[in-house]
Amino acid sequence: MKRYFWREMTYLLESLLLAIIFTPWYVLPEEEILAPALIVFMLDLITEDLTTSIRALIPLVMAMLFAIIVTLVLSIIYRIKHRGQTSA
């Protein structure tokens, strides 16, 4: 059980990092320029107010939840496939 924990934790952290880095969002509502959602959120939080910065946080949280769900499903499938095998 312990050998699976660190592998699954690594996959979970990698998927969260990919979601944080590669989730795009519009820099300005009127423009079509995209940037990473975390950077848009932080800069809007610094330069504007909280309500305008939350618009970039919503797709970021949704991407992170999707990454967690996919990682958990793949981990469960991996455990089911390798349940009968013993390490020799």
C-alpha atoms as a PDB file:
ATOM      1  CA  MET A   1       0.000   0.000   0.000  1.00  0.00           C
ATOM      2  CA  LYS A   2       2.826   2.386   0.797  1.00  0.00           C
ATOM      3  CA  ARG A   3       4.506   1.874  -2.567  1.00  0.00           C
ATOM      4  CA  TYR A   4       1.391   3.093  -4.359  1.00  0.00           C
ATOM      5  CA  PHE A   5       0.989   6.149  -2.143  1.00  0.00           C
ATOM      6  CA  TRP A   6       4.089   8.039  -3.273  1.00  0.00           C
ATOM      7  CA  ARG A   7       3.537   7.159  -6.924  1.00  0.00           C
ATOM      8  CA  GLU A   8      -0.058   8.368  -6.799  1.00  0.00           C
ATOM      9  CA  MET A   9       0.910  11.490  -4.858  1.00  0.00           C
ATOM     10  CA  THR A  10       3.515  12.276  -7.507  1.00  0.00           C
ATOM     11  CA  TYR A  11       0.984  11.873 -10.306  1.00  0.00           C
ATOM     12  CA  LEU A  12      -1.509  14.046  -8.432  1.00  0.00           C
ATOM     13  CA  LEU A  13       0.992  16.840  -7.888  1.00  0.00           C
ATOM     14  CA  GLU A  14       2.138  16.659 -11.510  1.00  0.00           C
ATOM     15  CA  SER A  15      -1.413  16.895 -12.800  1.00  0.00           C
ATOM     16  CA  LEU A  16      -2.155  19.855 -10.524  1.00  0.00           C
ATOM     17  CA  LEU A  17       0.997  21.601 -11.705  1.00  0.00           C
ATOM     18  CA  LEU A  18       0.043  21.035 -15.344  1.00  0.00           C
ATOM     19  CA  ALA A  19      -3.442  22.407 -14.674  1.00  0.00           C
ATOM     20  CA  ILE A  20      -2.023  25.505 -12.977  1.00  0.00           C
ATOM     21  CA  ILE A  21       0.538  26.222 -15.677  1.00  0.00           C
ATOM     22  CA  PHE A  22      -1.487  25.464 -18.815  1.00  0.00           C
ATOM     23  CA  THR A  23      -4.981  26.750 -17.999  1.00  0.00           C
ATOM     24  CA  PRO A  24      -5.481  29.828 -20.186  1.00  0.00           C
ATOM     25  CA  TRP A  25      -7.750  32.789 -19.553  1.00  0.00           C
ATOM     26  CA  TYR A  26      -8.435  36.119 -21.232  1.00  0.00           C
ATOM     27  CA  VAL A  27      -6.208  38.984 -20.156  1.00  0.00           C
ATOM     28  CA  LEU A  28      -8.963  41.525 -20.793  1.00  0.00           C
ATOM     29  CA  PRO A  29     -12.667  40.745 -21.210  1.00  0.00           C
ATOM     30  CA  GLU A  30     -12.814  42.601 -24.538  1.00  0.00           C
ATOM     31  CA  GLU A  31      -9.615  41.139 -26.015  1.00  0.00           C
ATOM     32  CA  GLU A  32      -8.779  37.692 -27.348  1.00  0.00           C
ATOM     33  CA  ILE A  33      -5.302  37.546 -25.803  1.00  0.00           C
ATOM     34  CA  LEU A  34      -4.781  34.547 -23.520  1.00  0.00           C
ATOM     35  CA  ALA A  35      -2.385  34.093 -20.616  1.00  0.00           C
ATOM     36  CA  PRO A  36      -2.049  31.542 -17.809  1.00  0.00           C
ATOM     37  CA  ALA A  37      -5.039  31.880 -15.483  1.00  0.00           C
ATOM     38  CA  LEU A  38      -2.898  32.039 -12.354  1.00  0.00           C
ATOM     39  CA  ILE A  39      -0.939  35.019 -13.690  1.00  0.00           C
ATOM     40  CA  VAL A  40      -4.128  36.783 -14.804  1.00  0.00           C
ATOM     41  CA  PHE A  41      -5.631  36.158 -11.362  1.00  0.00           C
ATOM     42  CA  MET A  42      -2.599  37.493  -9.495  1.00  0.00           C
ATOM     43  CA  LEU A  43      -2.206  40.583 -11.664  1.00  0.00           C
ATOM     44  CA  ASP A  44      -5.923  41.396 -11.517  1.00  0.00           C
ATOM     45  CA  LEU A  45      -5.784  40.960  -7.750  1.00  0.00           C
ATOM     46  CA  ILE A  46      -2.869  43.383  -7.492  1.00  0.00           C
ATOM     47  CA  THR A  47      -4.033  46.001  -9.978  1.00  0.00           C
ATOM     48  CA  GLU A  48      -7.819  45.740  -9.693  1.00  0.00           C
ATOM     49  CA  ASP A  49     -10.176  44.334  -7.079  1.00  0.00           C
ATOM     50  CA  LEU A  50     -11.145  40.853  -5.932  1.00  0.00           C
ATOM     51  CA  THR A  51     -14.334  40.554  -7.980  1.00  0.00           C
ATOM     52  CA  THR A  52     -12.590  41.040 -11.312  1.00  0.00           C
ATOM     53  CA  SER A  53      -9.763  38.690 -10.402  1.00  0.00           C
ATOM     54  CA  ILE A  54     -12.132  35.844  -9.548  1.00  0.00           C
ATOM     55  CA  ARG A  55     -13.127  35.555 -13.218  1.00  0.00           C
ATOM     56  CA  ALA A  56      -9.720  33.985 -13.924  1.00  0.00           C
ATOM     57  CA  LEU A  57      -9.833  31.783 -10.842  1.00  0.00           C
ATOM     58  CA  ILE A  58     -12.999  29.901 -11.831  1.00  0.00           C
ATOM     59  CA  PRO A  59     -11.564  28.033 -14.873  1.00  0.00           C
ATOM     60  CA  LEU A  60      -8.360  27.398 -12.918  1.00  0.00           C
ATOM     61  CA  VAL A  61     -10.251  25.690 -10.098  1.00  0.00           C
ATOM     62  CA  MET A  62     -12.315  23.716 -12.605  1.00  0.00           C
ATOM     63  CA  ALA A  63      -9.140  22.514 -14.356  1.00  0.00           C
ATOM     64  CA  MET A  64      -7.606  21.523 -11.035  1.00  0.00           C
ATOM     65  CA  LEU A  65     -10.715  19.556 -10.060  1.00  0.00           C
ATOM     66  CA  PHE A  66     -10.686  17.827 -13.425  1.00  0.00           C
ATOM     67  CA  ALA A  67      -7.014  16.927 -12.926  1.00  0.00           C
ATOM     68  CA  ILE A  68      -7.750  15.476  -9.482  1.00  0.00           C
ATOM     69  CA  ILE A  69     -10.665  13.414 -10.794  1.00  0.00           C
ATOM     70  CA  VAL A  70      -8.663  12.043 -13.742  1.00  0.00           C
ATOM     71  CA  THR A  71      -5.720  11.176 -11.496  1.00  0.00           C
ATOM     72  CA  LEU A  72      -7.936   9.398  -8.979  1.00  0.00           C
ATOM     73  CA  VAL A  73      -9.725   7.390 -11.675  1.00  0.00           C
ATOM     74  CA  LEU A  74      -6.439   6.353 -13.278  1.00  0.00           C
ATOM     75  CA  SER A  75      -5.010   5.398  -9.879  1.00  0.00           C
ATOM     76  CA  ILE A  76      -8.022   3.226  -9.121  1.00  0.00           C
ATOM     77  CA  ILE A  77      -7.754   1.546 -12.529  1.00  0.00           C
ATOM     78  CA  TYR A  78      -4.043   0.929 -11.951  1.00  0.00           C
ATOM     79  CA  ARG A  79      -4.707  -0.629  -8.541  1.00  0.00           C
ATOM     80  CA  ILE A  80      -7.443  -2.867  -9.928  1.00  0.00           C
ATOM     81  CA  LYS A  81      -5.186  -4.072 -12.756  1.00  0.00           C
ATOM     82  CA  HIS A  82      -2.285  -4.850 -10.425  1.00  0.00           C
ATOM     83  CA  ARG A  83      -4.288  -6.197  -7.486  1.00  0.00           C
ATOM     84  CA  GLY A  84      -3.686  -9.868  -8.295  1.00  0.00           C
ATOM     85  CA  GLN A  85       0.022  -9.469  -8.968  1.00  0.00           C
ATOM     86  CA  THR A  86       2.498  -9.901  -6.145  1.00  0.00           C
ATOM     87  CA  SER A  87       5.924  -8.395  -6.016  1.00  0.00           C
ATOM     88  CA  ALA A  88       8.490 -11.164  -6.148  1.00  0.00           C
END
